[in-house]
Amino acid sequence: QAGGSLRLSCAVFGGTFSSYVMGWFRQAPGKEREFVAAITR
């Protein structure tokens, strides 16, 4: 419901996680994928 909370998780398998910049993006129906947040490596 509006005003509520969620926590998304993203587990990475393979490669070297500490070398990755990580980002979250979102895409609503009929819209382009847009940037939400990023965290440096």
ModelCIF file with pLDDT and N, C-alpha, C, O atoms, coordinates in Angstrom:
data_MODEL
#
_entry.id   MODEL 
#
_entity.id                         1 
_entity.type                       polymer 
_entity.pdbx_number_of_molecules   1 
#
_entity_poly.entity_id                      1 
_entity_poly.type                           'polypeptide(L)' 
_entity_poly.nstd_linkage                   no 
_entity_poly.nstd_monomer                   no 
_entity_poly.pdbx_seq_one_letter_code       QAGGSLRLSCAVFGGTFSSYVMGWFRQAPGKEREFVAAITR 
_entity_poly.pdbx_seq_one_letter_code_can   QAGGSLRLSCAVFGGTFSSYVMGWFRQAPGKEREFVAAITR 
_entity_poly.pdbx_strand_id                 A 
#
loop_
_entity_poly_seq.entity_id 
_entity_poly_seq.num 
_entity_poly_seq.mon_id 
_entity_poly_seq.hetero 
1 1  GLN n 
1 2  ALA n 
1 3  GLY n 
1 4  GLY n 
1 5  SER n 
1 6  LEU n 
1 7  ARG n 
1 8  LEU n 
1 9  SER n 
1 10 CYS n 
1 11 ALA n 
1 12 VAL n 
1 13 PHE n 
1 14 GLY n 
1 15 GLY n 
1 16 THR n 
1 17 PHE n 
1 18 SER n 
1 19 SER n 
1 20 TYR n 
1 21 VAL n 
1 22 MET n 
1 23 GLY n 
1 24 TRP n 
1 25 PHE n 
1 26 ARG n 
1 27 GLN n 
1 28 ALA n 
1 29 PRO n 
1 30 GLY n 
1 31 LYS n 
1 32 GLU n 
1 33 ARG n 
1 34 GLU n 
1 35 PHE n 
1 36 VAL n 
1 37 ALA n 
1 38 ALA n 
1 39 ILE n 
1 40 THR n 
1 41 ARG n 
#
_struct_asym.id          A 
_struct_asym.entity_id   1 
#
loop_
_ma_qa_metric.id 
_ma_qa_metric.mode 
_ma_qa_metric.name 
_ma_qa_metric.software_group_id 
_ma_qa_metric.type 
1 global pLDDT . pLDDT 
2 local  pLDDT . pLDDT 
#
_ma_qa_metric_global.metric_id      1 
_ma_qa_metric_global.metric_value   96.56 
_ma_qa_metric_global.model_id       1 
_ma_qa_metric_global.ordinal_id     1 
#
loop_
_ma_qa_metric_local.label_asym_id 
_ma_qa_metric_local.label_comp_id 
_ma_qa_metric_local.label_seq_id 
_ma_qa_metric_local.metric_id 
_ma_qa_metric_local.metric_value 
_ma_qa_metric_local.model_id 
_ma_qa_metric_local.ordinal_id 
A GLN 1  2 96.00 1 1  
A ALA 2  2 95.00 1 2  
A GLY 3  2 96.00 1 3  
A GLY 4  2 97.00 1 4  
A SER 5  2 97.00 1 5  
A LEU 6  2 98.00 1 6  
A ARG 7  2 98.00 1 7  
A LEU 8  2 98.00 1 8  
A SER 9  2 98.00 1 9  
A CYS 10 2 98.00 1 10 
A ALA 11 2 98.00 1 11 
A VAL 12 2 98.00 1 12 
A PHE 13 2 97.00 1 13 
A GLY 14 2 93.00 1 14 
A GLY 15 2 93.00 1 15 
A THR 16 2 94.00 1 16 
A PHE 17 2 95.00 1 17 
A SER 18 2 94.00 1 18 
A SER 19 2 95.00 1 19 
A TYR 20 2 96.00 1 20 
A VAL 21 2 97.00 1 21 
A MET 22 2 97.00 1 22 
A GLY 23 2 98.00 1 23 
A TRP 24 2 98.00 1 24 
A PHE 25 2 98.00 1 25 
A ARG 26 2 98.00 1 26 
A GLN 27 2 98.00 1 27 
A ALA 28 2 97.00 1 28 
A PRO 29 2 94.00 1 29 
A GLY 30 2 95.00 1 30 
A LYS 31 2 97.00 1 31 
A GLU 32 2 97.00 1 32 
A ARG 33 2 97.00 1 33 
A GLU 34 2 97.00 1 34 
A PHE 35 2 98.00 1 35 
A VAL 36 2 98.00 1 36 
A ALA 37 2 98.00 1 37 
A ALA 38 2 98.00 1 38 
A ILE 39 2 97.00 1 39 
A THR 40 2 96.00 1 40 
A ARG 41 2 92.00 1 41 
#
loop_
_atom_site.group_PDB 
_atom_site.id 
_atom_site.type_symbol 
_atom_site.label_atom_id 
_atom_site.label_alt_id 
_atom_site.label_comp_id 
_atom_site.label_asym_id 
_atom_site.label_entity_id 
_atom_site.label_seq_id 
_atom_site.pdbx_PDB_ins_code 
_atom_site.Cartn_x 
_atom_site.Cartn_y 
_atom_site.Cartn_z 
_atom_site.occupancy 
_atom_site.B_iso_or_equiv 
_atom_site.pdbx_formal_charge 
_atom_site.auth_seq_id 
_atom_site.auth_comp_id 
_atom_site.auth_asym_id 
_atom_site.auth_atom_id 
_atom_site.pdbx_PDB_model_num 
ATOM 1   N N  . GLN A 1 1  ? 0.837  -1.200  0.000   1.00 96.00 ? 1  GLN A N  1 
ATOM 2   C CA . GLN A 1 1  ? 0.000  0.000   0.000   1.00 96.00 ? 1  GLN A CA 1 
ATOM 3   C C  . GLN A 1 1  ? 0.873  1.252   0.000   1.00 96.00 ? 1  GLN A C  1 
ATOM 4   O O  . GLN A 1 1  ? 2.015  1.232   0.458   1.00 96.00 ? 1  GLN A O  1 
ATOM 5   N N  . ALA A 1 2  ? 0.322  2.313   -0.511  1.00 95.00 ? 2  ALA A N  1 
ATOM 6   C CA . ALA A 1 2  ? 1.035  3.585   -0.514  1.00 95.00 ? 2  ALA A CA 1 
ATOM 7   C C  . ALA A 1 2  ? 1.484  3.917   0.908   1.00 95.00 ? 2  ALA A C  1 
ATOM 8   O O  . ALA A 1 2  ? 0.718  3.821   1.867   1.00 95.00 ? 2  ALA A O  1 
ATOM 9   N N  . GLY A 1 3  ? 2.744  4.309   1.006   1.00 96.00 ? 3  GLY A N  1 
ATOM 10  C CA . GLY A 1 3  ? 3.330  4.599   2.305   1.00 96.00 ? 3  GLY A CA 1 
ATOM 11  C C  . GLY A 1 3  ? 4.069  3.435   2.923   1.00 96.00 ? 3  GLY A C  1 
ATOM 12  O O  . GLY A 1 3  ? 4.761  3.597   3.928   1.00 96.00 ? 3  GLY A O  1 
ATOM 13  N N  . GLY A 1 4  ? 3.929  2.267   2.333   1.00 97.00 ? 4  GLY A N  1 
ATOM 14  C CA . GLY A 1 4  ? 4.593  1.083   2.846   1.00 97.00 ? 4  GLY A CA 1 
ATOM 15  C C  . GLY A 1 4  ? 6.037  0.976   2.395   1.00 97.00 ? 4  GLY A C  1 
ATOM 16  O O  . GLY A 1 4  ? 6.557  1.864   1.719   1.00 97.00 ? 4  GLY A O  1 
ATOM 17  N N  . SER A 1 5  ? 6.680  -0.123  2.776   1.00 97.00 ? 5  SER A N  1 
ATOM 18  C CA . SER A 1 5  ? 8.102  -0.329  2.505   1.00 97.00 ? 5  SER A CA 1 
ATOM 19  C C  . SER A 1 5  ? 8.356  -1.705  1.903   1.00 97.00 ? 5  SER A C  1 
ATOM 20  O O  . SER A 1 5  ? 7.623  -2.662  2.152   1.00 97.00 ? 5  SER A O  1 
ATOM 21  N N  . LEU A 1 6  ? 9.402  -1.774  1.116   1.00 98.00 ? 6  LEU A N  1 
ATOM 22  C CA . LEU A 1 6  ? 9.915  -3.038  0.586   1.00 98.00 ? 6  LEU A CA 1 
ATOM 23  C C  . LEU A 1 6  ? 11.427 -2.956  0.561   1.00 98.00 ? 6  LEU A C  1 
ATOM 24  O O  . LEU A 1 6  ? 11.993 -1.868  0.451   1.00 98.00 ? 6  LEU A O  1 
ATOM 25  N N  . ARG A 1 7  ? 12.079 -4.094  0.663   1.00 98.00 ? 7  ARG A N  1 
ATOM 26  C CA . ARG A 1 7  ? 13.532 -4.149  0.465   1.00 98.00 ? 7  ARG A CA 1 
ATOM 27  C C  . ARG A 1 7  ? 13.831 -5.146  -0.636  1.00 98.00 ? 7  ARG A C  1 
ATOM 28  O O  . ARG A 1 7  ? 13.527 -6.334  -0.524  1.00 98.00 ? 7  ARG A O  1 
ATOM 29  N N  . LEU A 1 8  ? 14.431 -4.641  -1.699  1.00 98.00 ? 8  LEU A N  1 
ATOM 30  C CA . LEU A 1 8  ? 14.858 -5.492  -2.798  1.00 98.00 ? 8  LEU A CA 1 
ATOM 31  C C  . LEU A 1 8  ? 16.289 -5.955  -2.546  1.00 98.00 ? 8  LEU A C  1 
ATOM 32  O O  . LEU A 1 8  ? 17.113 -5.218  -2.005  1.00 98.00 ? 8  LEU A O  1 
ATOM 33  N N  . SER A 1 9  ? 16.560 -7.181  -2.947  1.00 98.00 ? 9  SER A N  1 
ATOM 34  C CA . SER A 1 9  ? 17.909 -7.731  -2.868  1.00 98.00 ? 9  SER A CA 1 
ATOM 35  C C  . SER A 1 9  ? 18.340 -8.198  -4.250  1.00 98.00 ? 9  SER A C  1 
ATOM 36  O O  . SER A 1 9  ? 17.518 -8.607  -5.070  1.00 98.00 ? 9  SER A O  1 
ATOM 37  N N  . CYS A 1 10 ? 19.619 -8.131  -4.487  1.00 98.00 ? 10 CYS A N  1 
ATOM 38  C CA . CYS A 1 10 ? 20.174 -8.612  -5.750  1.00 98.00 ? 10 CYS A CA 1 
ATOM 39  C C  . CYS A 1 10 ? 21.462 -9.349  -5.437  1.00 98.00 ? 10 CYS A C  1 
ATOM 40  O O  . CYS A 1 10 ? 22.466 -8.740  -5.068  1.00 98.00 ? 10 CYS A O  1 
ATOM 41  N N  . ALA A 1 11 ? 21.427 -10.652 -5.584  1.00 98.00 ? 11 ALA A N  1 
ATOM 42  C CA . ALA A 1 11 ? 22.615 -11.474 -5.354  1.00 98.00 ? 11 ALA A CA 1 
ATOM 43  C C  . ALA A 1 11 ? 23.359 -11.667 -6.668  1.00 98.00 ? 11 ALA A C  1 
ATOM 44  O O  . ALA A 1 11 ? 22.756 -11.940 -7.706  1.00 98.00 ? 11 ALA A O  1 
ATOM 45  N N  . VAL A 1 12 ? 24.660 -11.522 -6.606  1.00 98.00 ? 12 VAL A N  1 
ATOM 46  C CA . VAL A 1 12 ? 25.500 -11.638 -7.801  1.00 98.00 ? 12 VAL A CA 1 
ATOM 47  C C  . VAL A 1 12 ? 26.333 -12.905 -7.709  1.00 98.00 ? 12 VAL A C  1 
ATOM 48  O O  . VAL A 1 12 ? 27.019 -13.145 -6.716  1.00 98.00 ? 12 VAL A O  1 
ATOM 49  N N  . PHE A 1 13 ? 26.261 -13.703 -8.749  1.00 97.00 ? 13 PHE A N  1 
ATOM 50  C CA . PHE A 1 13 ? 27.005 -14.953 -8.813  1.00 97.00 ? 13 PHE A CA 1 
ATOM 51  C C  . PHE A 1 13 ? 28.003 -14.864 -9.967  1.00 97.00 ? 13 PHE A C  1 
ATOM 52  O O  . PHE A 1 13 ? 27.644 -14.510 -11.090 1.00 97.00 ? 13 PHE A O  1 
ATOM 53  N N  . GLY A 1 14 ? 29.262 -15.194 -9.669  1.00 93.00 ? 14 GLY A N  1 
ATOM 54  C CA . GLY A 1 14 ? 30.303 -15.135 -10.680 1.00 93.00 ? 14 GLY A CA 1 
ATOM 55  C C  . GLY A 1 14 ? 30.967 -13.774 -10.709 1.00 93.00 ? 14 GLY A C  1 
ATOM 56  O O  . GLY A 1 14 ? 30.406 -12.779 -10.248 1.00 93.00 ? 14 GLY A O  1 
ATOM 57  N N  . GLY A 1 15 ? 32.152 -13.747 -11.250 1.00 93.00 ? 15 GLY A N  1 
ATOM 58  C CA . GLY A 1 15 ? 32.880 -12.494 -11.336 1.00 93.00 ? 15 GLY A CA 1 
ATOM 59  C C  . GLY A 1 15 ? 33.383 -12.041 -9.980  1.00 93.00 ? 15 GLY A C  1 
ATOM 60  O O  . GLY A 1 15 ? 33.404 -12.811 -9.020  1.00 93.00 ? 15 GLY A O  1 
ATOM 61  N N  . THR A 1 16 ? 33.788 -10.784 -9.914  1.00 94.00 ? 16 THR A N  1 
ATOM 62  C CA . THR A 1 16 ? 34.326 -10.199 -8.682  1.00 94.00 ? 16 THR A CA 1 
ATOM 63  C C  . THR A 1 16 ? 33.416 -9.062  -8.268  1.00 94.00 ? 16 THR A C  1 
ATOM 64  O O  . THR A 1 16 ? 33.502 -7.959  -8.807  1.00 94.00 ? 16 THR A O  1 
ATOM 65  N N  . PHE A 1 17 ? 32.539 -9.332  -7.307  1.00 95.00 ? 17 PHE A N  1 
ATOM 66  C CA . PHE A 1 17 ? 31.507 -8.370  -6.931  1.00 95.00 ? 17 PHE A CA 1 
ATOM 67  C C  . PHE A 1 17 ? 32.109 -7.038  -6.516  1.00 95.00 ? 17 PHE A C  1 
ATOM 68  O O  . PHE A 1 17 ? 31.573 -5.982  -6.848  1.00 95.00 ? 17 PHE A O  1 
ATOM 69  N N  . SER A 1 18 ? 33.213 -7.082  -5.798  1.00 94.00 ? 18 SER A N  1 
ATOM 70  C CA . SER A 1 18 ? 33.788 -5.836  -5.277  1.00 94.00 ? 18 SER A CA 1 
ATOM 71  C C  . SER A 1 18 ? 34.304 -4.926  -6.383  1.00 94.00 ? 18 SER A C  1 
ATOM 72  O O  . SER A 1 18 ? 34.589 -3.753  -6.140  1.00 94.00 ? 18 SER A O  1 
ATOM 73  N N  . SER A 1 19 ? 34.427 -5.457  -7.597  1.00 95.00 ? 19 SER A N  1 
ATOM 74  C CA . SER A 1 19 ? 34.902 -4.629  -8.710  1.00 95.00 ? 19 SER A CA 1 
ATOM 75  C C  . SER A 1 19 ? 33.755 -4.004  -9.501  1.00 95.00 ? 19 SER A C  1 
ATOM 76  O O  . SER A 1 19 ? 33.994 -3.262  -10.454 1.00 95.00 ? 19 SER A O  1 
ATOM 77  N N  . TYR A 1 20 ? 32.522 -4.295  -9.116  1.00 96.00 ? 20 TYR A N  1 
ATOM 78  C CA . TYR A 1 20 ? 31.364 -3.825  -9.872  1.00 96.00 ? 20 TYR A CA 1 
ATOM 79  C C  . TYR A 1 20 ? 30.771 -2.551  -9.283  1.00 96.00 ? 20 TYR A C  1 
ATOM 80  O O  . TYR A 1 20 ? 30.597 -2.445  -8.069  1.00 96.00 ? 20 TYR A O  1 
ATOM 81  N N  . VAL A 1 21 ? 30.466 -1.593  -10.137 1.00 97.00 ? 21 VAL A N  1 
ATOM 82  C CA . VAL A 1 21 ? 29.513 -0.570  -9.754  1.00 97.00 ? 21 VAL A CA 1 
ATOM 83  C C  . VAL A 1 21 ? 28.135 -1.213  -9.904  1.00 97.00 ? 21 VAL A C  1 
ATOM 84  O O  . VAL A 1 21 ? 27.887 -1.931  -10.872 1.00 97.00 ? 21 VAL A O  1 
ATOM 85  N N  . MET A 1 22 ? 27.247 -0.958  -8.959  1.00 97.00 ? 22 MET A N  1 
ATOM 86  C CA . MET A 1 22 ? 25.924 -1.579  -8.957  1.00 97.00 ? 22 MET A CA 1 
ATOM 87  C C  . MET A 1 22 ? 24.843 -0.514  -9.104  1.00 97.00 ? 22 MET A C  1 
ATOM 88  O O  . MET A 1 22 ? 24.934 0.573   -8.533  1.00 97.00 ? 22 MET A O  1 
ATOM 89  N N  . GLY A 1 23 ? 23.823 -0.853  -9.879  1.00 98.00 ? 23 GLY A N  1 
ATOM 90  C CA . GLY A 1 23 ? 22.727 0.088   -10.072 1.00 98.00 ? 23 GLY A CA 1 
ATOM 91  C C  . GLY A 1 23 ? 21.380 -0.603  -9.990  1.00 98.00 ? 23 GLY A C  1 
ATOM 92  O O  . GLY A 1 23 ? 21.260 -1.805  -10.228 1.00 98.00 ? 23 GLY A O  1 
ATOM 93  N N  . TRP A 1 24 ? 20.368 0.182   -9.649  1.00 98.00 ? 24 TRP A N  1 
ATOM 94  C CA . TRP A 1 24 ? 18.977 -0.245  -9.733  1.00 98.00 ? 24 TRP A CA 1 
ATOM 95  C C  . TRP A 1 24 ? 18.280 0.631   -10.767 1.00 98.00 ? 24 TRP A C  1 
ATOM 96  O O  . TRP A 1 24 ? 18.434 1.852   -10.777 1.00 98.00 ? 24 TRP A O  1 
ATOM 97  N N  . PHE A 1 25 ? 17.516 -0.015  -11.629 1.00 98.00 ? 25 PHE A N  1 
ATOM 98  C CA . PHE A 1 25 ? 16.727 0.668   -12.642 1.00 98.00 ? 25 PHE A CA 1 
ATOM 99  C C  . PHE A 1 25 ? 15.295 0.164   -12.539 1.00 98.00 ? 25 PHE A C  1 
ATOM 100 O O  . PHE A 1 25 ? 15.037 -0.860  -11.906 1.00 98.00 ? 25 PHE A O  1 
ATOM 101 N N  . ARG A 1 26 ? 14.363 0.881   -13.160 1.00 98.00 ? 26 ARG A N  1 
ATOM 102 C CA . ARG A 1 26 ? 12.980 0.409   -13.179 1.00 98.00 ? 26 ARG A CA 1 
ATOM 103 C C  . ARG A 1 26 ? 12.350 0.742   -14.525 1.00 98.00 ? 26 ARG A C  1 
ATOM 104 O O  . ARG A 1 26 ? 12.761 1.669   -15.223 1.00 98.00 ? 26 ARG A O  1 
ATOM 105 N N  . GLN A 1 27 ? 11.348 -0.041  -14.858 1.00 98.00 ? 27 GLN A N  1 
ATOM 106 C CA . GLN A 1 27 ? 10.644 0.177   -16.111 1.00 98.00 ? 27 GLN A CA 1 
ATOM 107 C C  . GLN A 1 27 ? 9.153  -0.060  -15.898 1.00 98.00 ? 27 GLN A C  1 
ATOM 108 O O  . GLN A 1 27 ? 8.724  -1.164  -15.563 1.00 98.00 ? 27 GLN A O  1 
ATOM 109 N N  . ALA A 1 28 ? 8.381  0.991   -16.098 1.00 97.00 ? 28 ALA A N  1 
ATOM 110 C CA . ALA A 1 28 ? 6.926  0.903   -16.014 1.00 97.00 ? 28 ALA A CA 1 
ATOM 111 C C  . ALA A 1 28 ? 6.365  0.596   -17.401 1.00 97.00 ? 28 ALA A C  1 
ATOM 112 O O  . ALA A 1 28 ? 7.029  0.857   -18.405 1.00 97.00 ? 28 ALA A O  1 
ATOM 113 N N  . PRO A 1 29 ? 5.164  0.050   -17.470 1.00 94.00 ? 29 PRO A N  1 
ATOM 114 C CA . PRO A 1 29 ? 4.573  -0.285  -18.769 1.00 94.00 ? 29 PRO A CA 1 
ATOM 115 C C  . PRO A 1 29 ? 4.509  0.928   -19.698 1.00 94.00 ? 29 PRO A C  1 
ATOM 116 O O  . PRO A 1 29 ? 4.032  1.995   -19.313 1.00 94.00 ? 29 PRO A O  1 
ATOM 117 N N  . GLY A 1 30 ? 4.993  0.748   -20.914 1.00 95.00 ? 30 GLY A N  1 
ATOM 118 C CA . GLY A 1 30 ? 4.961  1.811   -21.902 1.00 95.00 ? 30 GLY A CA 1 
ATOM 119 C C  . GLY A 1 30 ? 6.005  2.889   -21.731 1.00 95.00 ? 30 GLY A C  1 
ATOM 120 O O  . GLY A 1 30 ? 5.998  3.878   -22.465 1.00 95.00 ? 30 GLY A O  1 
ATOM 121 N N  . LYS A 1 31 ? 6.909  2.717   -20.771 1.00 97.00 ? 31 LYS A N  1 
ATOM 122 C CA . LYS A 1 31 ? 7.941  3.726   -20.516 1.00 97.00 ? 31 LYS A CA 1 
ATOM 123 C C  . LYS A 1 31 ? 9.323  3.128   -20.689 1.00 97.00 ? 31 LYS A C  1 
ATOM 124 O O  . LYS A 1 31 ? 9.502  1.910   -20.668 1.00 97.00 ? 31 LYS A O  1 
ATOM 125 N N  . GLU A 1 32 ? 10.294 4.008   -20.860 1.00 97.00 ? 32 GLU A N  1 
ATOM 126 C CA . GLU A 1 32 ? 11.675 3.556   -20.975 1.00 97.00 ? 32 GLU A CA 1 
ATOM 127 C C  . GLU A 1 32 ? 12.231 3.177   -19.599 1.00 97.00 ? 32 GLU A C  1 
ATOM 128 O O  . GLU A 1 32 ? 11.744 3.624   -18.560 1.00 97.00 ? 32 GLU A O  1 
ATOM 129 N N  . ARG A 1 33 ? 13.250 2.351   -19.634 1.00 97.00 ? 33 ARG A N  1 
ATOM 130 C CA . ARG A 1 33 ? 13.923 1.985   -18.395 1.00 97.00 ? 33 ARG A CA 1 
ATOM 131 C C  . ARG A 1 33 ? 14.633 3.219   -17.835 1.00 97.00 ? 33 ARG A C  1 
ATOM 132 O O  . ARG A 1 33 ? 15.332 3.923   -18.564 1.00 97.00 ? 33 ARG A O  1 
ATOM 133 N N  . GLU A 1 34 ? 14.452 3.474   -16.546 1.00 97.00 ? 34 GLU A N  1 
ATOM 134 C CA . GLU A 1 34 ? 15.052 4.662   -15.950 1.00 97.00 ? 34 GLU A CA 1 
ATOM 135 C C  . GLU A 1 34 ? 15.907 4.307   -14.737 1.00 97.00 ? 34 GLU A C  1 
ATOM 136 O O  . GLU A 1 34 ? 15.666 3.332   -14.026 1.00 97.00 ? 34 GLU A O  1 
ATOM 137 N N  . PHE A 1 35 ? 16.912 5.146   -14.540 1.00 98.00 ? 35 PHE A N  1 
ATOM 138 C CA . PHE A 1 35 ? 17.822 5.014   -13.410 1.00 98.00 ? 35 PHE A CA 1 
ATOM 139 C C  . PHE A 1 35 ? 17.090 5.301   -12.109 1.00 98.00 ? 35 PHE A C  1 
ATOM 140 O O  . PHE A 1 35 ? 16.283 6.228   -12.037 1.00 98.00 ? 35 PHE A O  1 
ATOM 141 N N  . VAL A 1 36 ? 17.371 4.508   -11.081 1.00 98.00 ? 36 VAL A N  1 
ATOM 142 C CA . VAL A 1 36 ? 16.814 4.747   -9.749  1.00 98.00 ? 36 VAL A CA 1 
ATOM 143 C C  . VAL A 1 36 ? 17.925 5.080   -8.752  1.00 98.00 ? 36 VAL A C  1 
ATOM 144 O O  . VAL A 1 36 ? 17.846 6.087   -8.048  1.00 98.00 ? 36 VAL A O  1 
ATOM 145 N N  . ALA A 1 37 ? 18.961 4.234   -8.690  1.00 98.00 ? 37 ALA A N  1 
ATOM 146 C CA . ALA A 1 37 ? 20.022 4.440   -7.709  1.00 98.00 ? 37 ALA A CA 1 
ATOM 147 C C  . ALA A 1 37 ? 21.267 3.685   -8.151  1.00 98.00 ? 37 ALA A C  1 
ATOM 148 O O  . ALA A 1 37 ? 21.190 2.732   -8.926  1.00 98.00 ? 37 ALA A O  1 
ATOM 149 N N  . ALA A 1 38 ? 22.420 4.128   -7.645  1.00 98.00 ? 38 ALA A N  1 
ATOM 150 C CA . ALA A 1 38 ? 23.674 3.441   -7.924  1.00 98.00 ? 38 ALA A CA 1 
ATOM 151 C C  . ALA A 1 38 ? 24.593 3.573   -6.719  1.00 98.00 ? 38 ALA A C  1 
ATOM 152 O O  . ALA A 1 38 ? 24.469 4.497   -5.915  1.00 98.00 ? 38 ALA A O  1 
ATOM 153 N N  . ILE A 1 39 ? 25.523 2.619   -6.615  1.00 97.00 ? 39 ILE A N  1 
ATOM 154 C CA . ILE A 1 39 ? 26.508 2.647   -5.537  1.00 97.00 ? 39 ILE A CA 1 
ATOM 155 C C  . ILE A 1 39 ? 27.852 2.258   -6.131  1.00 97.00 ? 39 ILE A C  1 
ATOM 156 O O  . ILE A 1 39 ? 27.955 1.274   -6.863  1.00 97.00 ? 39 ILE A O  1 
ATOM 157 N N  . THR A 1 40 ? 28.873 3.030   -5.817  1.00 96.00 ? 40 THR A N  1 
ATOM 158 C CA . THR A 1 40 ? 30.186 2.772   -6.392  1.00 96.00 ? 40 THR A CA 1 
ATOM 159 C C  . THR A 1 40 ? 30.817 1.526   -5.792  1.00 96.00 ? 40 THR A C  1 
ATOM 160 O O  . THR A 1 40 ? 30.351 0.998   -4.781  1.00 96.00 ? 40 THR A O  1 
ATOM 161 N N  . ARG A 1 41 ? 31.875 1.071   -6.427  1.00 92.00 ? 41 ARG A N  1 
ATOM 162 C CA . ARG A 1 41 ? 32.358 -0.262  -6.068  1.00 92.00 ? 41 ARG A CA 1 
ATOM 163 C C  . ARG A 1 41 ? 33.098 -0.310  -4.754  1.00 92.00 ? 41 ARG A C  1 
ATOM 164 O O  . ARG A 1 41 ? 33.554 -1.376  -4.341  1.00 92.00 ? 41 ARG A O  1 
#
